[in-house]
């Protein structure tokens, strides 16, 4: 997979911006990507050095529309810690 397939987006929420001064960023990633692939993709796309990668899966929720039951998709997210002095410029 190419890096743009692995890293879907940088998640910018109020909760995720609390960790930015510590050098941690939250990414939405491909469900089949492992930590090493995520590390290489972030380094290649954003031109930074990655210190650590932690991943977790957000399980989808059951939703009901009228009489039909459905489910939102499972999402894999990664918390990427950058090395000292590194920063990702966000708009």
PDB file of N, CA and C in Angstrom:
ATOM      1  N   UNK A   1       0.838  -1.193   0.000  1.00  0.00           N
ATOM      2  CA  UNK A   1       0.000   0.000   0.000  1.00  0.00           C
ATOM      3  C   UNK A   1       0.877   1.248   0.000  1.00  0.00           C
ATOM      4  N   UNK A   2       0.405   2.273  -0.647  1.00  0.00           N
ATOM      5  CA  UNK A   2       1.121   3.536  -0.633  1.00  0.00           C
ATOM      6  C   UNK A   2       0.742   4.308   0.633  1.00  0.00           C
ATOM      7  N   UNK A   3       1.575   5.229   1.078  1.00  0.00           N
ATOM      8  CA  UNK A   3       1.309   5.938   2.340  1.00  0.00           C
ATOM      9  C   UNK A   3      -0.036   6.649   2.382  1.00  0.00           C
ATOM     10  N   UNK A   4      -0.504   7.157   1.242  1.00  0.00           N
ATOM     11  CA  UNK A   4      -1.787   7.861   1.231  1.00  0.00           C
ATOM     12  C   UNK A   4      -2.956   6.902   1.453  1.00  0.00           C
ATOM     13  N   UNK A   5      -2.773   5.607   1.179  1.00  0.00           N
ATOM     14  CA  UNK A   5      -3.811   4.620   1.466  1.00  0.00           C
ATOM     15  C   UNK A   5      -3.818   4.239   2.945  1.00  0.00           C
ATOM     16  N   UNK A   6      -2.656   4.267   3.569  1.00  0.00           N
ATOM     17  CA  UNK A   6      -2.555   3.879   4.978  1.00  0.00           C
ATOM     18  C   UNK A   6      -3.100   4.981   5.883  1.00  0.00           C
ATOM     19  N   UNK A   7      -2.657   6.230   5.677  1.00  0.00           N
ATOM     20  CA  UNK A   7      -3.108   7.363   6.480  1.00  0.00           C
ATOM     21  C   UNK A   7      -4.305   7.983   5.776  1.00  0.00           C
ATOM     22  N   UNK A   8      -5.483   7.833   6.373  1.00  0.00           N
ATOM     23  CA  UNK A   8      -6.688   8.394   5.758  1.00  0.00           C
ATOM     24  C   UNK A   8      -6.816   9.887   6.067  1.00  0.00           C
ATOM     25  N   UNK A   9      -6.627  10.268   7.342  1.00  0.00           N
ATOM     26  CA  UNK A   9      -6.727  11.681   7.687  1.00  0.00           C
ATOM     27  C   UNK A   9      -6.129  11.941   9.060  1.00  0.00           C
ATOM     28  N   UNK A  10      -5.806  13.199   9.286  1.00  0.00           N
ATOM     29  CA  UNK A  10      -5.377  13.682  10.600  1.00  0.00           C
ATOM     30  C   UNK A  10      -6.636  14.149  11.314  1.00  0.00           C
ATOM     31  N   UNK A  11      -6.891  13.628  12.493  1.00  0.00           N
ATOM     32  CA  UNK A  11      -8.115  13.960  13.218  1.00  0.00           C
ATOM     33  C   UNK A  11      -7.872  15.201  14.065  1.00  0.00           C
ATOM     34  N   UNK A  12      -8.629  16.259  13.776  1.00  0.00           N
ATOM     35  CA  UNK A  12      -8.518  17.514  14.511  1.00  0.00           C
ATOM     36  C   UNK A  12      -9.789  17.729  15.309  1.00  0.00           C
ATOM     37  N   UNK A  13      -9.780  17.301  16.556  1.00  0.00           N
ATOM     38  CA  UNK A  13     -10.892  17.543  17.460  1.00  0.00           C
ATOM     39  C   UNK A  13     -10.346  18.243  18.697  1.00  0.00           C
ATOM     40  N   UNK A  14     -11.249  18.716  19.519  1.00  0.00           N
ATOM     41  CA  UNK A  14     -10.814  19.389  20.741  1.00  0.00           C
ATOM     42  C   UNK A  14     -10.025  18.435  21.632  1.00  0.00           C
ATOM     43  N   UNK A  15     -10.463  17.181  21.681  1.00  0.00           N
ATOM     44  CA  UNK A  15      -9.796  16.199  22.524  1.00  0.00           C
ATOM     45  C   UNK A  15      -8.405  15.847  21.982  1.00  0.00           C
ATOM     46  N   UNK A  16      -8.266  15.774  20.659  1.00  0.00           N
ATOM     47  CA  UNK A  16      -6.973  15.398  20.087  1.00  0.00           C
ATOM     48  C   UNK A  16      -5.961  16.539  20.134  1.00  0.00           C
ATOM     49  N   UNK A  17      -6.407  17.794  20.161  1.00  0.00           N
ATOM     50  CA  UNK A  17      -5.470  18.918  20.187  1.00  0.00           C
ATOM     51  C   UNK A  17      -4.831  19.115  21.561  1.00  0.00           C
ATOM     52  N   UNK A  18      -5.355  18.474  22.587  1.00  0.00           N
ATOM     53  CA  UNK A  18      -4.764  18.572  23.923  1.00  0.00           C
ATOM     54  C   UNK A  18      -3.372  17.945  23.926  1.00  0.00           C
ATOM     55  N   UNK A  19      -3.150  16.920  23.094  1.00  0.00           N
ATOM     56  CA  UNK A  19      -1.881  16.197  23.086  1.00  0.00           C
ATOM     57  C   UNK A  19      -0.832  16.809  22.163  1.00  0.00           C
ATOM     58  N   UNK A  20      -1.189  17.797  21.351  1.00  0.00           N
ATOM     59  CA  UNK A  20      -0.240  18.365  20.397  1.00  0.00           C
ATOM     60  C   UNK A  20       0.990  18.994  21.058  1.00  0.00           C
ATOM     61  N   UNK A  21       0.860  19.710  22.194  1.00  0.00           N
ATOM     62  CA  UNK A  21       2.090  20.235  22.831  1.00  0.00           C
ATOM     63  C   UNK A  21       3.053  19.129  23.270  1.00  0.00           C
ATOM     64  N   UNK A  22       2.541  17.921  23.493  1.00  0.00           N
ATOM     65  CA  UNK A  22       3.394  16.789  23.869  1.00  0.00           C
ATOM     66  C   UNK A  22       3.980  16.095  22.646  1.00  0.00           C
ATOM     67  N   UNK A  23       3.618  16.552  21.452  1.00  0.00           N
ATOM     68  CA  UNK A  23       4.130  15.945  20.227  1.00  0.00           C
ATOM     69  C   UNK A  23       3.355  14.722  19.783  1.00  0.00           C
ATOM     70  N   UNK A  24       2.085  14.613  20.190  1.00  0.00           N
ATOM     71  CA  UNK A  24       1.252  13.465  19.820  1.00  0.00           C
ATOM     72  C   UNK A  24       0.140  13.923  18.889  1.00  0.00           C
ATOM     73  N   UNK A  25      -0.100  13.130  17.841  1.00  0.00           N
ATOM     74  CA  UNK A  25      -1.130  13.445  16.852  1.00  0.00           C
ATOM     75  C   UNK A  25      -1.992  12.214  16.621  1.00  0.00           C
ATOM     76  N   UNK A  26      -3.280  12.437  16.346  1.00  0.00           N
ATOM     77  CA  UNK A  26      -4.245  11.355  16.153  1.00  0.00           C
ATOM     78  C   UNK A  26      -4.579  11.238  14.673  1.00  0.00           C
ATOM     79  N   UNK A  27      -4.451  10.022  14.136  1.00  0.00           N
ATOM     80  CA  UNK A  27      -4.709   9.759  12.731  1.00  0.00           C
ATOM     81  C   UNK A  27      -5.768   8.673  12.581  1.00  0.00           C
ATOM     82  N   UNK A  28      -6.577   8.797  11.536  1.00  0.00           N
ATOM     83  CA  UNK A  28      -7.477   7.729  11.116  1.00  0.00           C
ATOM     84  C   UNK A  28      -6.701   6.928  10.085  1.00  0.00           C
ATOM     85  N   UNK A  29      -6.563   5.608  10.321  1.00  0.00           N
ATOM     86  CA  UNK A  29      -5.721   4.778   9.457  1.00  0.00           C
ATOM     87  C   UNK A  29      -6.509   3.603   8.889  1.00  0.00           C
ATOM     88  N   UNK A  30      -5.918   2.941   7.900  1.00  0.00           N
ATOM     89  CA  UNK A  30      -6.520   1.771   7.276  1.00  0.00           C
ATOM     90  C   UNK A  30      -6.607   0.642   8.307  1.00  0.00           C
ATOM     91  N   UNK A  31      -7.699  -0.122   8.274  1.00  0.00           N
ATOM     92  CA  UNK A  31      -7.924  -1.167   9.277  1.00  0.00           C
ATOM     93  C   UNK A  31      -6.865  -2.262   9.258  1.00  0.00           C
ATOM     94  N   UNK A  32      -6.255  -2.535   8.119  1.00  0.00           N
ATOM     95  CA  UNK A  32      -5.280  -3.620   8.019  1.00  0.00           C
ATOM     96  C   UNK A  32      -3.840  -3.151   8.236  1.00  0.00           C
ATOM     97  N   UNK A  33      -3.628  -1.864   8.467  1.00  0.00           N
ATOM     98  CA  UNK A  33      -2.266  -1.332   8.620  1.00  0.00           C
ATOM     99  C   UNK A  33      -1.706  -1.673   9.994  1.00  0.00           C
ATOM    100  N   UNK A  34      -0.414  -2.016  10.031  1.00  0.00           N
ATOM    101  CA  UNK A  34       0.233  -2.274  11.315  1.00  0.00           C
ATOM    102  C   UNK A  34       1.048  -1.051  11.741  1.00  0.00           C
ATOM    103  N   UNK A  35       1.637  -1.116  12.927  1.00  0.00           N
ATOM    104  CA  UNK A  35       2.328   0.044  13.491  1.00  0.00           C
ATOM    105  C   UNK A  35       3.535   0.471  12.650  1.00  0.00           C
ATOM    106  N   UNK A  36       4.265  -0.497  12.122  1.00  0.00           N
ATOM    107  CA  UNK A  36       5.447  -0.174  11.321  1.00  0.00           C
ATOM    108  C   UNK A  36       5.051   0.525  10.026  1.00  0.00           C
ATOM    109  N   UNK A  37       3.990   0.065   9.367  1.00  0.00           N
ATOM    110  CA  UNK A  37       3.514   0.713   8.146  1.00  0.00           C
ATOM    111  C   UNK A  37       3.034   2.132   8.429  1.00  0.00           C
ATOM    112  N   UNK A  38       2.340   2.317   9.555  1.00  0.00           N
ATOM    113  CA  UNK A  38       1.851   3.647   9.937  1.00  0.00           C
ATOM    114  C   UNK A  38       3.026   4.586  10.187  1.00  0.00           C
ATOM    115  N   UNK A  39       4.049   4.092  10.876  1.00  0.00           N
ATOM    116  CA  UNK A  39       5.239   4.905  11.155  1.00  0.00           C
ATOM    117  C   UNK A  39       5.904   5.375   9.867  1.00  0.00           C
ATOM    118  N   UNK A  40       6.129   4.463   8.922  1.00  0.00           N
ATOM    119  CA  UNK A  40       6.784   4.822   7.663  1.00  0.00           C
ATOM    120  C   UNK A  40       5.918   5.776   6.840  1.00  0.00           C
ATOM    121  N   UNK A  41       4.596   5.583   6.874  1.00  0.00           N
ATOM    122  CA  UNK A  41       3.695   6.451   6.103  1.00  0.00           C
ATOM    123  C   UNK A  41       3.706   7.874   6.647  1.00  0.00           C
ATOM    124  N   UNK A  42       3.661   8.033   7.971  1.00  0.00           N
ATOM    125  CA  UNK A  42       3.678   9.373   8.574  1.00  0.00           C
ATOM    126  C   UNK A  42       5.010  10.060   8.291  1.00  0.00           C
ATOM    127  N   UNK A  43       6.108   9.316   8.405  1.00  0.00           N
ATOM    128  CA  UNK A  43       7.423   9.896   8.140  1.00  0.00           C
ATOM    129  C   UNK A  43       7.545  10.350   6.687  1.00  0.00           C
ATOM    130  N   UNK A  44       6.986   9.577   5.756  1.00  0.00           N
ATOM    131  CA  UNK A  44       7.097   9.931   4.344  1.00  0.00           C
ATOM    132  C   UNK A  44       6.176  11.090   3.964  1.00  0.00           C
ATOM    133  N   UNK A  45       4.947  11.092   4.471  1.00  0.00           N
ATOM    134  CA  UNK A  45       3.984  12.138   4.100  1.00  0.00           C
ATOM    135  C   UNK A  45       4.338  13.475   4.737  1.00  0.00           C
ATOM    136  N   UNK A  46       4.609  13.485   6.047  1.00  0.00           N
ATOM    137  CA  UNK A  46       4.806  14.740   6.783  1.00  0.00           C
ATOM    138  C   UNK A  46       6.266  15.111   6.991  1.00  0.00           C
ATOM    139  N   UNK A  47       7.214  14.282   6.565  1.00  0.00           N
ATOM    140  CA  UNK A  47       8.653  14.563   6.666  1.00  0.00           C
ATOM    141  C   UNK A  47       9.076  14.855   8.105  1.00  0.00           C
ATOM    142  N   UNK A  48       8.662  13.972   9.030  1.00  0.00           N
ATOM    143  CA  UNK A  48       9.023  14.075  10.447  1.00  0.00           C
ATOM    144  C   UNK A  48       9.575  12.729  10.908  1.00  0.00           C
ATOM    145  N   UNK A  49      10.164  12.710  12.096  1.00  0.00           N
ATOM    146  CA  UNK A  49      10.669  11.474  12.685  1.00  0.00           C
ATOM    147  C   UNK A  49       9.701  11.009  13.773  1.00  0.00           C
ATOM    148  N   UNK A  50       9.281   9.753  13.695  1.00  0.00           N
ATOM    149  CA  UNK A  50       8.299   9.195  14.626  1.00  0.00           C
ATOM    150  C   UNK A  50       9.023   8.426  15.719  1.00  0.00           C
ATOM    151  N   UNK A  51       8.615   8.683  16.952  1.00  0.00           N
ATOM    152  CA  UNK A  51       9.192   7.989  18.102  1.00  0.00           C
ATOM    153  C   UNK A  51       8.391   6.745  18.460  1.00  0.00           C
ATOM    154  N   UNK A  52       7.044   6.857  18.459  1.00  0.00           N
ATOM    155  CA  UNK A  52       6.200   5.756  18.920  1.00  0.00           C
ATOM    156  C   UNK A  52       4.844   5.816  18.231  1.00  0.00           C
ATOM    157  N   UNK A  53       4.223   4.643  18.063  1.00  0.00           N
ATOM    158  CA  UNK A  53       2.889   4.552  17.485  1.00  0.00           C
ATOM    159  C   UNK A  53       2.040   3.644  18.361  1.00  0.00           C
ATOM    160  N   UNK A  54       0.884   4.146  18.786  1.00  0.00           N
ATOM    161  CA  UNK A  54      -0.092   3.345  19.514  1.00  0.00           C
ATOM    162  C   UNK A  54      -1.371   3.302  18.683  1.00  0.00           C
ATOM    163  N   UNK A  55      -1.961   2.114  18.551  1.00  0.00           N
ATOM    164  CA  UNK A  55      -3.171   1.973  17.748  1.00  0.00           C
ATOM    165  C   UNK A  55      -4.307   1.425  18.598  1.00  0.00           C
ATOM    166  N   UNK A  56      -5.520   1.744  18.174  1.00  0.00           N
ATOM    167  CA  UNK A  56      -6.705   1.159  18.793  1.00  0.00           C
ATOM    168  C   UNK A  56      -7.841   1.160  17.788  1.00  0.00           C
ATOM    169  N   UNK A  57      -8.810   0.279  18.009  1.00  0.00           N
ATOM    170  CA  UNK A  57      -9.950   0.161  17.109  1.00  0.00           C
ATOM    171  C   UNK A  57     -11.186   0.669  17.827  1.00  0.00           C
ATOM    172  N   UNK A  58     -11.846   1.639  17.211  1.00  0.00           N
ATOM    173  CA  UNK A  58     -13.111   2.167  17.718  1.00  0.00           C
ATOM    174  C   UNK A  58     -14.215   1.323  17.115  1.00  0.00           C
ATOM    175  N   UNK A  59     -14.914   0.568  17.932  1.00  0.00           N
ATOM    176  CA  UNK A  59     -15.946  -0.320  17.428  1.00  0.00           C
ATOM    177  C   UNK A  59     -17.158   0.488  16.971  1.00  0.00           C
ATOM    178  N   UNK A  60     -17.778   0.042  15.875  1.00  0.00           N
ATOM    179  CA  UNK A  60     -18.958   0.703  15.341  1.00  0.00           C
ATOM    180  C   UNK A  60     -20.158   0.512  16.251  1.00  0.00           C
ATOM    181  N   UNK A  61     -21.116   1.408  16.114  1.00  0.00           N
ATOM    182  CA  UNK A  61     -22.309   1.358  16.966  1.00  0.00           C
ATOM    183  C   UNK A  61     -23.500   0.841  16.178  1.00  0.00           C
ATOM    184  N   UNK A  62     -24.444   0.258  16.906  1.00  0.00           N
ATOM    185  CA  UNK A  62     -25.697  -0.150  16.281  1.00  0.00           C
ATOM    186  C   UNK A  62     -26.580   1.079  16.100  1.00  0.00           C
ATOM    187  N   UNK A  63     -27.141   1.217  14.924  1.00  0.00           N
ATOM    188  CA  UNK A  63     -28.040   2.328  14.618  1.00  0.00           C
ATOM    189  C   UNK A  63     -29.335   1.755  14.062  1.00  0.00           C
ATOM    190  N   UNK A  64     -30.419   2.481  14.279  1.00  0.00           N
ATOM    191  CA  UNK A  64     -31.701   2.037  13.747  1.00  0.00           C
ATOM    192  C   UNK A  64     -32.320   3.166  12.943  1.00  0.00           C
ATOM    193  N   UNK A  65     -32.732   2.854  11.733  1.00  0.00           N
ATOM    194  CA  UNK A  65     -33.461   3.790  10.886  1.00  0.00           C
ATOM    195  C   UNK A  65     -34.802   3.142  10.608  1.00  0.00           C
ATOM    196  N   UNK A  66     -35.837   3.717  11.146  1.00  0.00           N
ATOM    197  CA  UNK A  66     -37.188   3.148  11.102  1.00  0.00           C
ATOM    198  C   UNK A  66     -37.184   1.738  11.676  1.00  0.00           C
ATOM    199  N   UNK A  67     -37.389   0.740  10.827  1.00  0.00           N
ATOM    200  CA  UNK A  67     -37.448  -0.634  11.335  1.00  0.00           C
ATOM    201  C   UNK A  67     -36.206  -1.428  10.982  1.00  0.00           C
ATOM    202  N   UNK A  68     -35.234  -0.775  10.393  1.00  0.00           N
ATOM    203  CA  UNK A  68     -34.034  -1.451   9.913  1.00  0.00           C
ATOM    204  C   UNK A  68     -32.887  -1.242  10.894  1.00  0.00           C
ATOM    205  N   UNK A  69     -32.215  -2.318  11.271  1.00  0.00           N
ATOM    206  CA  UNK A  69     -31.031  -2.212  12.116  1.00  0.00           C
ATOM    207  C   UNK A  69     -29.800  -2.152  11.224  1.00  0.00           C
ATOM    208  N   UNK A  70     -28.853  -1.310  11.592  1.00  0.00           N
ATOM    209  CA  UNK A  70     -27.610  -1.196  10.844  1.00  0.00           C
ATOM    210  C   UNK A  70     -26.463  -0.972  11.800  1.00  0.00           C
ATOM    211  N   UNK A  71     -25.284  -0.840  11.259  1.00  0.00           N
ATOM    212  CA  UNK A  71     -24.104  -0.669  12.093  1.00  0.00           C
ATOM    213  C   UNK A  71     -23.151   0.308  11.407  1.00  0.00           C
ATOM    214  N   UNK A  72     -22.592   1.234  12.199  1.00  0.00           N
ATOM    215  CA  UNK A  72     -21.566   2.110  11.657  1.00  0.00           C
ATOM    216  C   UNK A  72     -20.257   1.313  11.591  1.00  0.00           C
ATOM    217  N   UNK A  73     -19.355   1.669  10.698  1.00  0.00           N
ATOM    218  CA  UNK A  73     -18.140   0.864  10.528  1.00  0.00           C
ATOM    219  C   UNK A  73     -17.172   1.004  11.697  1.00  0.00           C
ATOM    220  N   UNK A  74     -16.352  -0.047  11.890  1.00  0.00           N
ATOM    221  CA  UNK A  74     -15.266   0.004  12.858  1.00  0.00           C
ATOM    222  C   UNK A  74     -14.163   0.898  12.292  1.00  0.00           C
ATOM    223  N   UNK A  75     -13.543   1.707  13.148  1.00  0.00           N
ATOM    224  CA  UNK A  75     -12.495   2.627  12.717  1.00  0.00           C
ATOM    225  C   UNK A  75     -11.208   2.330  13.482  1.00  0.00           C
ATOM    226  N   UNK A  76     -10.096   2.292  12.768  1.00  0.00           N
ATOM    227  CA  UNK A  76      -8.804   2.124  13.419  1.00  0.00           C
ATOM    228  C   UNK A  76      -8.135   3.483  13.499  1.00  0.00           C
ATOM    229  N   UNK A  77      -7.650   3.824  14.679  1.00  0.00           N
ATOM    230  CA  UNK A  77      -6.995   5.109  14.899  1.00  0.00           C
ATOM    231  C   UNK A  77      -5.601   4.864  15.452  1.00  0.00           C
ATOM    232  N   UNK A  78      -4.717   5.820  15.214  1.00  0.00           N
ATOM    233  CA  UNK A  78      -3.340   5.714  15.684  1.00  0.00           C
ATOM    234  C   UNK A  78      -2.929   7.011  16.353  1.00  0.00           C
ATOM    235  N   UNK A  79      -2.330   6.880  17.536  1.00  0.00           N
ATOM    236  CA  UNK A  79      -1.732   8.022  18.224  1.00  0.00           C
ATOM    237  C   UNK A  79      -0.233   7.956  17.933  1.00  0.00           C
ATOM    238  N   UNK A  80       0.264   8.953  17.209  1.00  0.00           N
ATOM    239  CA  UNK A  80       1.661   8.976  16.778  1.00  0.00           C
ATOM    240  C   UNK A  80       2.417   9.996  17.620  1.00  0.00           C
ATOM    241  N   UNK A  81       3.473   9.539  18.285  1.00  0.00           N
ATOM    242  CA  UNK A  81       4.333  10.418  19.077  1.00  0.00           C
ATOM    243  C   UNK A  81       5.566  10.745  18.244  1.00  0.00           C
ATOM    244  N   UNK A  82       5.844  12.037  18.099  1.00  0.00           N
ATOM    245  CA  UNK A  82       7.003  12.473  17.328  1.00  0.00           C
ATOM    246  C   UNK A  82       8.212  12.664  18.239  1.00  0.00           C
ATOM    247  N   UNK A  83       9.394  12.615  17.642  1.00  0.00           N
ATOM    248  CA  UNK A  83      10.620  12.847  18.410  1.00  0.00           C
ATOM    249  C   UNK A  83      10.702  14.317  18.809  1.00  0.00           C
ATOM    250  N   UNK A  84      11.571  14.615  19.779  1.00  0.00           N
ATOM    251  CA  UNK A  84      11.735  15.975  20.293  1.00  0.00           C
ATOM    252  C   UNK A  84      12.050  16.958  19.175  1.00  0.00           C
ATOM    253  N   UNK A  85      11.376  18.100  19.183  1.00  0.00           N
ATOM    254  CA  UNK A  85      11.625  19.146  18.201  1.00  0.00           C
ATOM    255  C   UNK A  85      10.863  18.988  16.896  1.00  0.00           C
ATOM    256  N   UNK A  86      10.173  17.870  16.718  1.00  0.00           N
ATOM    257  CA  UNK A  86       9.404  17.626  15.500  1.00  0.00           C
ATOM    258  C   UNK A  86       7.977  18.145  15.671  1.00  0.00           C
ATOM    259  N   UNK A  87       7.381  18.609  14.567  1.00  0.00           N
ATOM    260  CA  UNK A  87       6.033  19.170  14.631  1.00  0.00           C
ATOM    261  C   UNK A  87       5.373  18.998  13.278  1.00  0.00           C
ATOM    262  N   UNK A  88       4.060  18.716  13.277  1.00  0.00           N
ATOM    263  CA  UNK A  88       3.286  18.642  12.046  1.00  0.00           C
ATOM    264  C   UNK A  88       2.516  19.936  11.916  1.00  0.00           C
ATOM    265  N   UNK A  89       2.691  20.616  10.802  1.00  0.00           N
ATOM    266  CA  UNK A  89       1.978  21.873  10.558  1.00  0.00           C
ATOM    267  C   UNK A  89       0.561  21.569  10.122  1.00  0.00           C
ATOM    268  N   UNK A  90      -0.413  22.050  10.891  1.00  0.00           N
ATOM    269  CA  UNK A  90      -1.819  21.843  10.563  1.00  0.00           C
ATOM    270  C   UNK A  90      -2.449  23.194  10.274  1.00  0.00           C
ATOM    271  N   UNK A  91      -3.356  23.198   9.337  1.00  0.00           N
ATOM    272  CA  UNK A  91      -4.011  24.458   8.955  1.00  0.00           C
ATOM    273  C   UNK A  91      -5.207  24.744   9.821  1.00  0.00           C
TER     274      UNK A  91
END
